[in-house]
N, C-alpha and C. Protein backbone atom coordinates (compact mmCIF):
# COMPACT_ATOMS: atom_id res chain seq x y z
N MET A 1 -9.91 27.51 -13.96
CA MET A 1 -8.83 27.03 -13.17
C MET A 1 -8.34 25.65 -13.59
N ALA A 2 -7.11 25.33 -14.01
CA ALA A 2 -6.36 23.67 -14.16
C ALA A 2 -7.16 22.96 -13.14
N THR A 3 -7.44 21.52 -13.73
CA THR A 3 -7.54 20.66 -12.64
C THR A 3 -5.96 19.96 -12.73
N ASP A 4 -5.70 19.33 -11.37
CA ASP A 4 -4.39 18.66 -11.34
C ASP A 4 -5.09 17.29 -11.57
N ARG A 5 -4.48 16.52 -12.54
CA ARG A 5 -4.96 15.01 -12.08
C ARG A 5 -4.38 14.20 -11.06
N ASP A 6 -3.16 14.66 -10.29
CA ASP A 6 -2.87 13.97 -9.15
C ASP A 6 -4.02 14.28 -8.15
N SER A 7 -4.35 15.08 -7.89
CA SER A 7 -5.24 15.88 -6.85
C SER A 7 -6.43 14.93 -6.99
N VAL A 8 -6.89 14.64 -8.33
CA VAL A 8 -7.97 14.03 -8.32
C VAL A 8 -8.06 12.48 -7.94
N LEU A 9 -6.64 12.02 -8.47
CA LEU A 9 -6.36 10.66 -8.15
C LEU A 9 -6.74 10.05 -6.48
N GLU A 10 -5.87 11.67 -5.86
CA GLU A 10 -6.07 11.41 -4.46
C GLU A 10 -6.76 11.60 -3.61
N ALA A 11 -7.65 12.50 -4.01
CA ALA A 11 -9.54 12.29 -3.58
C ALA A 11 -10.10 11.10 -4.16
N ALA A 12 -9.94 10.53 -4.78
CA ALA A 12 -10.54 9.08 -5.48
C ALA A 12 -10.05 8.28 -4.35
N VAL A 13 -8.61 8.50 -4.31
CA VAL A 13 -7.85 7.10 -3.63
C VAL A 13 -9.22 7.28 -2.32
N GLY A 14 -9.21 8.46 -1.67
CA GLY A 14 -9.63 8.64 -0.14
C GLY A 14 -11.22 7.98 0.02
N VAL A 15 -11.84 8.18 -1.59
CA VAL A 15 -13.23 7.89 -1.70
C VAL A 15 -13.31 5.89 -1.77
N LEU A 16 -12.53 5.57 -2.72
CA LEU A 16 -12.75 4.44 -3.12
C LEU A 16 -11.96 3.49 -2.03
N SER A 17 -11.17 3.85 -1.23
CA SER A 17 -10.45 2.61 -0.45
C SER A 17 -11.61 2.41 0.70
N ARG A 18 -12.45 3.21 0.98
CA ARG A 18 -13.16 3.38 1.90
C ARG A 18 -14.79 2.73 1.48
N ARG A 19 -14.99 2.87 0.15
CA ARG A 19 -16.52 2.57 -0.45
C ARG A 19 -15.82 2.24 -1.96
N PRO A 20 -15.57 1.12 -2.33
CA PRO A 20 -14.88 0.47 -3.38
C PRO A 20 -16.23 0.69 -4.55
N THR A 21 -17.54 0.91 -4.38
CA THR A 21 -18.48 0.97 -4.99
C THR A 21 -19.01 2.15 -5.27
N ALA A 22 -18.49 3.10 -4.64
CA ALA A 22 -19.04 4.71 -4.77
C ALA A 22 -19.06 5.13 -6.34
N HIS A 23 -20.12 6.16 -6.41
CA HIS A 23 -20.15 6.67 -7.75
C HIS A 23 -19.33 7.52 -8.32
N LEU A 24 -18.93 7.40 -9.41
CA LEU A 24 -18.05 8.75 -10.13
C LEU A 24 -18.23 10.14 -9.51
N ASP A 25 -20.14 10.26 -9.57
CA ASP A 25 -20.42 11.72 -8.96
C ASP A 25 -19.60 11.78 -7.20
N GLU A 26 -19.93 10.98 -6.58
CA GLU A 26 -18.96 11.01 -5.21
C GLU A 26 -17.52 11.48 -5.18
N ILE A 27 -17.16 11.12 -6.39
CA ILE A 27 -15.39 10.91 -6.54
C ILE A 27 -15.21 12.12 -6.86
N ALA A 28 -15.94 12.82 -7.89
CA ALA A 28 -15.87 14.21 -8.39
C ALA A 28 -16.02 15.27 -7.25
N ARG A 29 -17.46 14.66 -6.36
CA ARG A 29 -17.49 16.09 -5.64
C ARG A 29 -16.02 16.13 -4.63
N ALA A 30 -15.37 14.88 -4.25
CA ALA A 30 -14.68 14.60 -3.29
C ALA A 30 -13.42 15.98 -3.95
N ALA A 31 -13.26 15.77 -5.06
CA ALA A 31 -11.97 15.97 -5.83
C ALA A 31 -12.63 17.31 -6.15
N GLY A 32 -13.51 17.96 -6.06
CA GLY A 32 -13.95 19.44 -5.67
C GLY A 32 -14.34 19.89 -7.59
N ILE A 33 -14.22 18.91 -8.22
CA ILE A 33 -14.70 18.94 -9.59
C ILE A 33 -16.23 18.49 -10.09
N SER A 34 -16.53 18.66 -11.72
CA SER A 34 -17.71 18.19 -12.11
C SER A 34 -17.45 17.00 -12.37
N ARG A 35 -18.08 16.31 -13.07
CA ARG A 35 -18.38 14.65 -13.22
C ARG A 35 -17.92 15.23 -14.46
N ALA A 36 -18.50 15.94 -15.11
CA ALA A 36 -17.81 16.00 -17.09
C ALA A 36 -16.32 16.38 -16.86
N THR A 37 -15.72 17.08 -15.72
CA THR A 37 -14.09 17.31 -15.59
C THR A 37 -13.82 16.24 -15.57
N LEU A 38 -14.42 15.14 -14.35
CA LEU A 38 -13.94 14.23 -14.39
C LEU A 38 -13.62 12.73 -15.78
N HIS A 39 -14.17 13.22 -16.48
CA HIS A 39 -14.94 12.16 -17.54
C HIS A 39 -13.80 12.45 -18.46
N ARG A 40 -13.33 13.96 -18.61
CA ARG A 40 -12.21 14.18 -19.02
C ARG A 40 -11.45 13.85 -18.96
N LEU A 41 -10.84 14.06 -17.57
CA LEU A 41 -9.91 12.90 -17.23
C LEU A 41 -9.66 11.99 -17.46
N PHE A 42 -10.74 11.17 -17.04
CA PHE A 42 -10.91 9.33 -17.09
C PHE A 42 -12.08 9.40 -17.84
N PRO A 43 -11.50 8.27 -19.20
CA PRO A 43 -12.55 8.14 -19.68
C PRO A 43 -14.10 7.67 -19.14
N GLY A 44 -14.01 6.69 -18.04
CA GLY A 44 -14.91 5.99 -17.17
C GLY A 44 -14.09 5.39 -16.16
N ARG A 45 -15.02 5.11 -15.40
CA ARG A 45 -14.67 4.26 -13.71
C ARG A 45 -13.71 3.17 -14.10
N GLU A 46 -13.61 2.53 -15.15
CA GLU A 46 -12.68 1.61 -15.17
C GLU A 46 -10.97 2.39 -15.63
N ALA A 47 -11.16 3.37 -16.00
CA ALA A 47 -9.94 4.36 -16.15
C ALA A 47 -9.38 4.45 -14.99
N LEU A 48 -10.45 5.42 -14.30
CA LEU A 48 -9.94 5.82 -13.11
C LEU A 48 -9.39 5.04 -12.22
N ILE A 49 -9.93 3.69 -12.14
CA ILE A 49 -9.92 2.40 -11.09
C ILE A 49 -8.45 2.13 -11.25
N ARG A 50 -8.04 2.04 -12.64
CA ARG A 50 -6.80 1.81 -13.30
C ARG A 50 -6.10 2.32 -12.87
N GLU A 51 -5.79 3.66 -13.26
CA GLU A 51 -4.96 4.62 -12.91
C GLU A 51 -4.60 5.12 -11.30
N VAL A 52 -5.76 4.57 -10.47
CA VAL A 52 -5.47 5.07 -9.17
C VAL A 52 -4.43 3.60 -8.96
N GLY A 53 -4.54 2.57 -9.34
CA GLY A 53 -3.82 1.10 -9.36
C GLY A 53 -2.61 0.87 -9.52
N LEU A 54 -2.54 1.87 -10.60
CA LEU A 54 -1.18 2.20 -11.09
C LEU A 54 -0.49 2.82 -10.14
N LEU A 55 -1.03 3.88 -9.44
CA LEU A 55 -0.63 5.19 -8.54
C LEU A 55 -0.14 4.27 -7.53
N GLY A 56 -1.05 3.42 -6.78
CA GLY A 56 -0.64 2.75 -5.41
C GLY A 56 0.80 1.82 -5.93
N LEU A 57 0.99 0.98 -7.13
CA LEU A 57 1.68 0.25 -7.16
C LEU A 57 3.66 0.91 -7.53
N ARG A 58 2.96 2.34 -8.17
CA ARG A 58 4.22 3.00 -8.26
C ARG A 58 4.77 3.56 -6.91
N THR A 59 3.53 3.66 -6.12
CA THR A 59 4.34 4.62 -5.17
C THR A 59 4.86 3.31 -3.94
N PHE A 60 4.08 2.31 -3.94
CA PHE A 60 4.67 0.79 -3.11
C PHE A 60 5.96 0.78 -4.03
N GLY A 61 5.96 0.72 -5.25
CA GLY A 61 7.80 0.47 -5.89
C GLY A 61 8.73 1.23 -5.36
N ALA A 62 8.20 2.85 -5.44
CA ALA A 62 9.15 3.45 -4.99
C ALA A 62 9.34 3.47 -3.28
N ALA A 63 8.55 3.78 -2.41
CA ALA A 63 8.88 3.19 -1.51
C ALA A 63 9.77 1.90 -1.16
N LEU A 64 9.91 0.84 -1.75
CA LEU A 64 11.12 -0.09 -1.96
C LEU A 64 12.19 0.38 -2.31
N ASP A 65 12.20 1.09 -3.09
CA ASP A 65 13.21 1.86 -3.57
C ASP A 65 14.34 2.68 -2.79
N ALA A 66 13.56 3.62 -2.45
CA ALA A 66 13.72 4.47 -1.44
C ALA A 66 14.33 3.67 0.42
N ALA A 67 13.35 2.75 0.55
CA ALA A 67 13.80 1.83 1.62
C ALA A 67 15.36 1.49 1.07
N ALA A 68 15.29 0.63 0.29
CA ALA A 68 16.72 -0.26 0.11
C ALA A 68 16.58 -1.45 0.61
N VAL A 69 15.47 -1.96 0.01
CA VAL A 69 15.13 -2.77 0.69
C VAL A 69 15.54 -4.53 0.20
N GLU A 70 16.56 -4.09 -0.82
CA GLU A 70 17.39 -5.42 -1.13
C GLU A 70 18.64 -4.93 -0.25
N ASP A 71 18.97 -4.33 0.17
CA ASP A 71 20.31 -4.08 0.63
C ASP A 71 20.56 -4.06 2.42
N GLY A 72 21.76 -4.66 2.76
CA GLY A 72 21.82 -4.90 4.49
C GLY A 72 21.10 -5.01 5.21
N ASP A 73 20.70 -5.14 6.58
CA ASP A 73 19.94 -5.95 7.76
C ASP A 73 18.34 -5.67 7.33
N ALA A 74 17.79 -6.89 7.02
CA ALA A 74 16.66 -6.84 6.88
C ALA A 74 15.58 -6.44 7.81
N HIS A 75 16.20 -6.23 9.03
CA HIS A 75 15.15 -5.59 10.07
C HIS A 75 15.27 -4.53 9.85
N ALA A 76 16.27 -3.54 9.56
CA ALA A 76 16.90 -2.15 8.90
C ALA A 76 15.72 -1.81 7.95
N ALA A 77 16.02 -2.37 7.06
CA ALA A 77 15.50 -2.28 5.71
C ALA A 77 13.90 -1.85 5.94
N LEU A 78 13.02 -3.27 6.68
CA LEU A 78 11.86 -2.92 6.57
C LEU A 78 11.29 -2.05 7.99
N ARG A 79 12.16 -1.61 8.55
CA ARG A 79 11.68 -0.17 9.61
C ARG A 79 11.28 0.94 8.43
N ARG A 80 12.64 0.89 7.65
CA ARG A 80 12.82 1.88 6.88
C ARG A 80 11.54 1.94 5.47
N LEU A 81 11.14 0.58 5.37
CA LEU A 81 10.16 0.58 4.56
C LEU A 81 8.73 1.30 4.89
N VAL A 82 8.70 0.87 6.27
CA VAL A 82 7.49 1.13 7.30
C VAL A 82 7.22 2.74 7.32
N ASP A 83 8.59 3.53 7.70
CA ASP A 83 8.54 4.90 7.40
C ASP A 83 8.12 5.12 6.48
N LEU A 84 8.57 4.74 4.78
CA LEU A 84 8.22 5.47 3.87
C LEU A 84 6.60 5.00 3.08
N ILE A 85 6.21 3.75 3.66
CA ILE A 85 5.25 3.60 3.06
C ILE A 85 3.65 3.91 3.83
N VAL A 86 4.21 4.49 5.32
CA VAL A 86 2.61 4.59 5.93
C VAL A 86 2.23 5.66 5.68
N PRO A 87 2.82 6.49 5.34
CA PRO A 87 2.42 8.33 4.51
C PRO A 87 1.19 7.88 3.46
N ASP A 88 1.68 6.73 2.66
CA ASP A 88 0.51 6.54 1.42
C ASP A 88 -0.21 5.26 1.46
N ALA A 89 -0.46 4.88 3.27
CA ALA A 89 -1.04 3.56 3.65
C ALA A 89 -2.65 3.27 2.83
N ALA A 90 -3.24 4.69 2.58
CA ALA A 90 -5.01 4.48 1.75
C ALA A 90 -4.62 3.79 0.51
N LEU A 91 -3.25 4.35 0.03
CA LEU A 91 -3.32 3.72 -1.27
C LEU A 91 -3.19 2.00 -1.26
N CYS A 92 -2.32 1.83 -0.22
CA CYS A 92 -2.65 0.50 -0.17
C CYS A 92 -3.91 -0.31 0.39
N ALA A 93 -4.47 0.39 0.86
CA ALA A 93 -5.72 0.29 1.59
C ALA A 93 -6.63 -0.39 0.09
N PHE A 94 -6.69 0.52 -0.91
CA PHE A 94 -7.27 0.36 -2.26
C PHE A 94 -7.10 -0.59 -2.95
N LEU A 95 -5.30 -0.78 -2.78
CA LEU A 95 -5.32 -1.84 -3.52
C LEU A 95 -5.65 -2.90 -3.27
N ALA A 96 -5.35 -3.27 -1.70
CA ALA A 96 -6.20 -4.39 -0.93
C ALA A 96 -7.31 -4.80 -1.09
N GLY A 97 -8.22 -3.38 -1.68
CA GLY A 97 -9.64 -4.14 -1.38
C GLY A 97 -10.33 -3.85 -2.93
N GLU A 98 -9.66 -3.50 -3.77
CA GLU A 98 -10.10 -3.32 -5.52
C GLU A 98 -10.11 -4.49 -6.21
N ASN A 99 -10.93 -5.40 -6.22
CA ASN A 99 -11.20 -6.54 -6.81
C ASN A 99 -11.15 -6.72 -8.44
N GLN A 100 -11.44 -5.55 -9.08
CA GLN A 100 -10.96 -4.94 -10.39
C GLN A 100 -9.81 -5.00 -10.87
N LEU A 101 -8.79 -4.64 -10.14
CA LEU A 101 -7.61 -4.44 -10.53
C LEU A 101 -7.07 -6.07 -11.09
N TYR A 102 -7.34 -6.89 -10.72
CA TYR A 102 -6.93 -8.25 -11.15
C TYR A 102 -7.21 -9.01 -11.91
N ASP A 103 -8.07 -7.76 -12.79
CA ASP A 103 -8.10 -8.42 -14.05
C ASP A 103 -7.40 -7.65 -15.25
N ASP A 104 -6.28 -7.26 -15.10
CA ASP A 104 -5.71 -6.03 -15.56
C ASP A 104 -3.99 -6.80 -15.44
N GLU A 105 -3.63 -7.53 -16.49
CA GLU A 105 -2.77 -7.86 -17.07
C GLU A 105 -1.19 -6.87 -16.53
N ASP A 106 -1.33 -5.72 -17.00
CA ASP A 106 -0.16 -4.78 -17.14
C ASP A 106 0.11 -4.56 -14.93
N ILE A 107 -1.54 -4.11 -14.29
CA ILE A 107 -1.57 -4.37 -13.14
C ILE A 107 -0.49 -5.76 -12.30
N ASN A 108 -1.32 -6.77 -13.17
CA ASN A 108 -0.89 -8.10 -11.64
C ASN A 108 0.37 -8.11 -11.83
N GLU A 109 1.27 -7.59 -13.36
CA GLU A 109 2.83 -8.07 -13.54
C GLU A 109 3.47 -6.86 -12.60
N LEU A 110 2.65 -5.88 -12.35
CA LEU A 110 3.74 -4.34 -11.69
C LEU A 110 3.46 -5.21 -10.18
N TRP A 111 2.45 -5.58 -9.91
CA TRP A 111 2.00 -6.22 -8.13
C TRP A 111 2.88 -7.45 -8.25
N ASP A 112 2.84 -8.30 -8.87
CA ASP A 112 4.00 -9.44 -8.46
C ASP A 112 5.50 -9.22 -8.56
N ALA A 113 5.93 -8.00 -9.68
CA ALA A 113 7.53 -7.22 -9.08
C ALA A 113 7.20 -7.01 -7.93
N GLN A 114 6.72 -6.16 -7.60
CA GLN A 114 6.71 -5.25 -6.21
C GLN A 114 6.68 -6.31 -4.98
N ILE A 115 5.67 -7.53 -5.13
CA ILE A 115 5.28 -7.93 -4.16
C ILE A 115 6.50 -9.29 -4.08
N SER A 116 7.23 -9.20 -4.98
CA SER A 116 8.42 -10.44 -4.92
C SER A 116 9.39 -9.94 -4.43
N ARG A 117 9.62 -8.45 -4.32
CA ARG A 117 10.75 -7.74 -3.71
C ARG A 117 10.57 -8.13 -2.48
N LEU A 118 9.16 -7.78 -1.95
CA LEU A 118 8.54 -7.46 -0.19
C LEU A 118 9.21 -9.02 0.10
N GLN A 119 8.87 -9.95 -0.65
CA GLN A 119 9.31 -11.59 -0.19
C GLN A 119 10.52 -11.75 -0.27
N ALA A 120 11.25 -11.16 -1.04
CA ALA A 120 12.49 -11.43 -0.91
C ALA A 120 13.18 -10.75 0.49
N LEU A 121 12.68 -9.49 0.78
CA LEU A 121 12.90 -8.93 1.80
C LEU A 121 13.35 -10.13 3.45
N PHE A 122 11.99 -10.41 3.19
CA PHE A 122 11.41 -11.63 4.45
C PHE A 122 12.57 -12.73 4.25
N LEU A 123 12.88 -12.91 2.57
CA LEU A 123 13.16 -14.46 2.95
C LEU A 123 15.23 -14.16 3.20
N ARG A 124 15.28 -13.16 2.68
CA ARG A 124 16.52 -12.79 2.83
C ARG A 124 16.70 -12.69 4.74
N GLY A 125 15.45 -12.00 5.29
CA GLY A 125 15.98 -12.14 6.96
C GLY A 125 15.52 -12.55 7.35
N GLN A 126 14.76 -13.96 7.24
CA GLN A 126 15.13 -15.32 7.66
C GLN A 126 16.16 -15.93 7.21
N GLN A 127 16.97 -15.47 6.62
CA GLN A 127 18.46 -16.13 6.23
C GLN A 127 19.09 -15.67 7.35
N GLN A 128 19.39 -14.27 7.46
CA GLN A 128 19.78 -13.53 8.51
C GLN A 128 19.78 -14.12 9.82
N GLY A 129 18.64 -14.31 10.21
CA GLY A 129 18.17 -15.69 11.19
C GLY A 129 17.33 -14.11 12.04
N VAL A 130 16.77 -13.43 11.52
CA VAL A 130 15.54 -12.02 12.06
C VAL A 130 14.23 -12.20 11.79
N PHE A 131 14.06 -12.49 10.97
CA PHE A 131 12.63 -13.31 11.00
C PHE A 131 12.05 -14.66 11.45
N ARG A 132 11.16 -15.14 11.29
CA ARG A 132 10.69 -16.19 11.82
C ARG A 132 10.83 -17.06 10.21
N VAL A 133 10.57 -18.71 10.61
CA VAL A 133 10.97 -19.38 9.68
C VAL A 133 9.96 -20.20 9.52
N GLU A 134 9.09 -20.47 10.64
CA GLU A 134 8.56 -21.21 10.05
C GLU A 134 7.14 -20.30 9.59
N LEU A 135 7.14 -19.48 9.28
CA LEU A 135 6.12 -18.27 8.63
C LEU A 135 6.77 -18.19 7.12
N SER A 136 5.91 -18.52 6.08
CA SER A 136 6.73 -18.42 4.95
C SER A 136 6.77 -16.77 4.13
N ALA A 137 7.82 -16.58 3.81
CA ALA A 137 8.08 -15.25 3.27
C ALA A 137 6.52 -14.41 2.55
N GLY A 138 6.18 -15.66 1.73
CA GLY A 138 4.91 -15.15 0.84
C GLY A 138 3.68 -14.55 2.16
N TRP A 139 3.72 -15.39 3.02
CA TRP A 139 2.72 -15.23 3.95
C TRP A 139 2.96 -13.89 4.86
N LEU A 140 4.41 -13.66 5.09
CA LEU A 140 4.98 -12.44 5.82
C LEU A 140 4.60 -10.81 4.61
N SER A 141 4.94 -11.28 3.68
CA SER A 141 4.59 -10.30 2.63
C SER A 141 2.83 -10.26 2.97
N GLU A 142 2.34 -10.99 2.94
CA GLU A 142 0.57 -10.53 2.56
C GLU A 142 -0.04 -10.02 4.12
N ALA A 143 0.88 -10.58 4.85
CA ALA A 143 0.41 -9.85 6.09
C ALA A 143 0.83 -8.54 6.37
N PHE A 144 2.04 -8.11 6.14
CA PHE A 144 2.62 -7.04 6.24
C PHE A 144 2.07 -5.94 5.35
N PHE A 145 1.78 -6.46 4.06
CA PHE A 145 0.73 -5.22 3.37
C PHE A 145 -0.39 -5.53 3.58
N ASP A 146 -1.11 -6.23 4.25
CA ASP A 146 -2.03 -6.43 4.54
C ASP A 146 -2.62 -5.02 5.95
N LEU A 147 -1.72 -5.39 6.58
CA LEU A 147 -1.72 -4.68 7.76
C LEU A 147 -1.00 -3.14 7.64
N VAL A 148 -0.59 -2.80 6.43
CA VAL A 148 -0.16 -1.37 6.01
C VAL A 148 -1.70 -0.68 5.91
N ALA A 149 -2.36 -1.44 4.83
CA ALA A 149 -3.46 -1.30 4.29
C ALA A 149 -4.53 -0.95 5.45
N GLY A 150 -4.36 -1.91 6.70
CA GLY A 150 -5.14 -1.69 7.89
C GLY A 150 -4.93 -0.25 8.74
N VAL A 151 -3.39 0.21 8.59
CA VAL A 151 -3.43 1.49 9.00
C VAL A 151 -4.16 2.73 8.25
N GLY A 152 -3.90 2.30 6.66
CA GLY A 152 -4.59 3.44 5.84
C GLY A 152 -6.24 3.58 6.38
N TRP A 153 -6.94 2.34 6.11
CA TRP A 153 -8.53 2.42 7.22
C TRP A 153 -8.75 3.15 8.39
N ALA A 154 -7.51 2.85 9.44
CA ALA A 154 -7.64 3.06 10.60
C ALA A 154 -7.70 4.57 10.88
N VAL A 155 -6.35 5.30 10.06
CA VAL A 155 -6.07 6.85 10.16
C VAL A 155 -7.73 7.13 9.10
N GLN A 156 -8.02 7.08 8.25
CA GLN A 156 -8.92 7.49 7.06
C GLN A 156 -10.17 7.48 8.55
N ASP A 157 -10.58 6.51 9.07
CA ASP A 157 -11.68 6.08 9.75
C ASP A 157 -11.78 7.41 11.10
N GLY A 158 -10.02 8.13 11.71
CA GLY A 158 -9.60 8.37 13.03
C GLY A 158 -9.68 7.51 14.03
N ARG A 159 -9.56 6.08 13.76
CA ARG A 159 -9.26 5.24 15.12
C ARG A 159 -7.76 5.17 15.09
N LEU A 160 -6.84 5.62 14.36
CA LEU A 160 -5.61 5.68 14.43
C LEU A 160 -5.02 7.51 14.31
N ALA A 161 -4.26 7.90 14.84
CA ALA A 161 -3.49 9.29 14.26
C ALA A 161 -2.44 8.88 13.43
N PRO A 162 -2.80 9.92 12.57
CA PRO A 162 -1.71 9.28 11.28
C PRO A 162 -0.07 9.60 12.05
N ARG A 163 0.32 10.23 12.88
CA ARG A 163 1.95 10.33 13.19
C ARG A 163 1.91 8.79 14.15
N ASP A 164 0.70 8.27 14.71
CA ASP A 164 1.08 6.74 15.28
C ASP A 164 1.32 5.54 14.02
N GLY A 165 0.70 5.98 13.11
CA GLY A 165 0.67 4.82 12.08
C GLY A 165 1.75 4.19 11.91
N ALA A 166 3.23 4.59 11.62
CA ALA A 166 4.38 3.84 11.18
C ALA A 166 4.43 3.09 12.67
N PHE A 167 4.58 3.65 14.27
CA PHE A 167 4.97 3.22 15.13
C PHE A 167 4.09 1.83 15.16
N SER A 168 2.63 1.95 15.37
CA SER A 168 1.95 0.98 15.52
C SER A 168 1.80 -0.24 14.69
N LEU A 169 2.11 0.33 13.35
CA LEU A 169 2.58 -1.09 12.07
C LEU A 169 3.49 -2.34 12.25
N ALA A 170 4.47 -0.90 12.87
CA ALA A 170 6.08 -1.94 13.14
C ALA A 170 5.66 -2.44 14.47
N GLU A 171 5.26 -2.11 15.33
CA GLU A 171 5.22 -3.04 16.72
C GLU A 171 4.19 -4.04 16.59
N LEU A 172 3.21 -4.09 15.87
CA LEU A 172 1.98 -4.89 15.25
C LEU A 172 2.82 -6.10 14.86
N PHE A 173 3.68 -5.66 13.50
CA PHE A 173 3.66 -6.85 12.72
C PHE A 173 5.00 -7.11 13.15
N LEU A 174 6.32 -6.64 13.74
CA LEU A 174 7.41 -6.82 14.04
C LEU A 174 7.21 -7.79 15.56
N GLY A 175 6.31 -7.52 16.16
CA GLY A 175 6.12 -8.50 17.43
C GLY A 175 5.76 -9.76 17.07
N GLY A 176 5.23 -10.11 16.00
CA GLY A 176 4.81 -11.52 15.57
C GLY A 176 6.01 -11.97 14.61
N ALA A 177 6.66 -10.94 13.48
CA ALA A 177 7.47 -11.71 12.32
C ALA A 177 8.78 -11.81 12.93
N LEU A 178 9.10 -11.24 13.88
CA LEU A 178 10.55 -11.50 14.58
C LEU A 178 10.98 -12.54 15.56
N ARG A 179 12.13 -13.08 15.08
CA ARG A 179 12.38 -14.37 15.53
C ARG A 179 13.08 -14.19 17.00
N PRO A 180 11.99 -14.98 17.79
CA PRO A 180 12.60 -14.48 19.47
C PRO A 180 13.67 -14.93 19.35
N PRO A 181 14.29 -14.12 20.70
CA PRO A 181 15.77 -14.42 20.92
C PRO A 181 16.18 -15.83 21.78
N ARG A 182 17.46 -16.71 21.54
CA ARG A 182 17.36 -17.68 21.56
C ARG A 182 18.12 -17.67 23.17
N PRO A 183 17.32 -18.89 23.83
CA PRO A 183 17.33 -18.91 25.09
C PRO A 183 19.20 -19.31 25.55
N HIS A 184 19.61 -18.55 26.68
CA HIS A 184 21.55 -18.59 26.63
C HIS A 184 21.57 -20.10 27.36
C-alpha cells in the first residue's frame, strides 16, 4: 500500500497542533504507518515540522487568494476568508503554536508575505470606515489569526462543532473589530 504524503501531514497536524512535543511514534500511529515509513517520508522531526508549516502557510495563502482579500469591500472579503480558512483552522493552530518554525528563514518570509496581505485587508477596511481605527491593522491581523487557531483547537477538543466554526469566529471577531455605527 502506497503511503499518501498529504494524509501523513494531515495526521501530523492533528497531533502536533494539540501536542507540539509529541513523539514521532505518536504521529506515525495517528497516520496509520510505522515510524520507519514516517522516516522514509520525512528524514526527521525538523523536516516533518517544516513540511507541516509550509503546508499551513500555503493553505492560508490559498484562502487569501480564493477570498480575493485585495478586492472590493473589506467586510465582505473578511467574511469570505472566514468561510475559506475555518475548515483548515487546525493548520492555523499548528502555526500559532509551533515555535520551531520561527528559526526557518523561508517560513518567516512566507509568513510575512501572508500576514502582510491580511494587514492590508484590515488597513483597507479601516480606510473604508468598516473596521475600528483605534486598533492597528497589525493587531487586528494577529487577533484574527489567533482566533482562527482557537477555532481549530476548540473543534479538535470537541468544544465547538465544526459547522459552527465560521459563524462563531465571524461573530466574535467582527463584534470587536467592526466600527460601531455613527449616531444620527
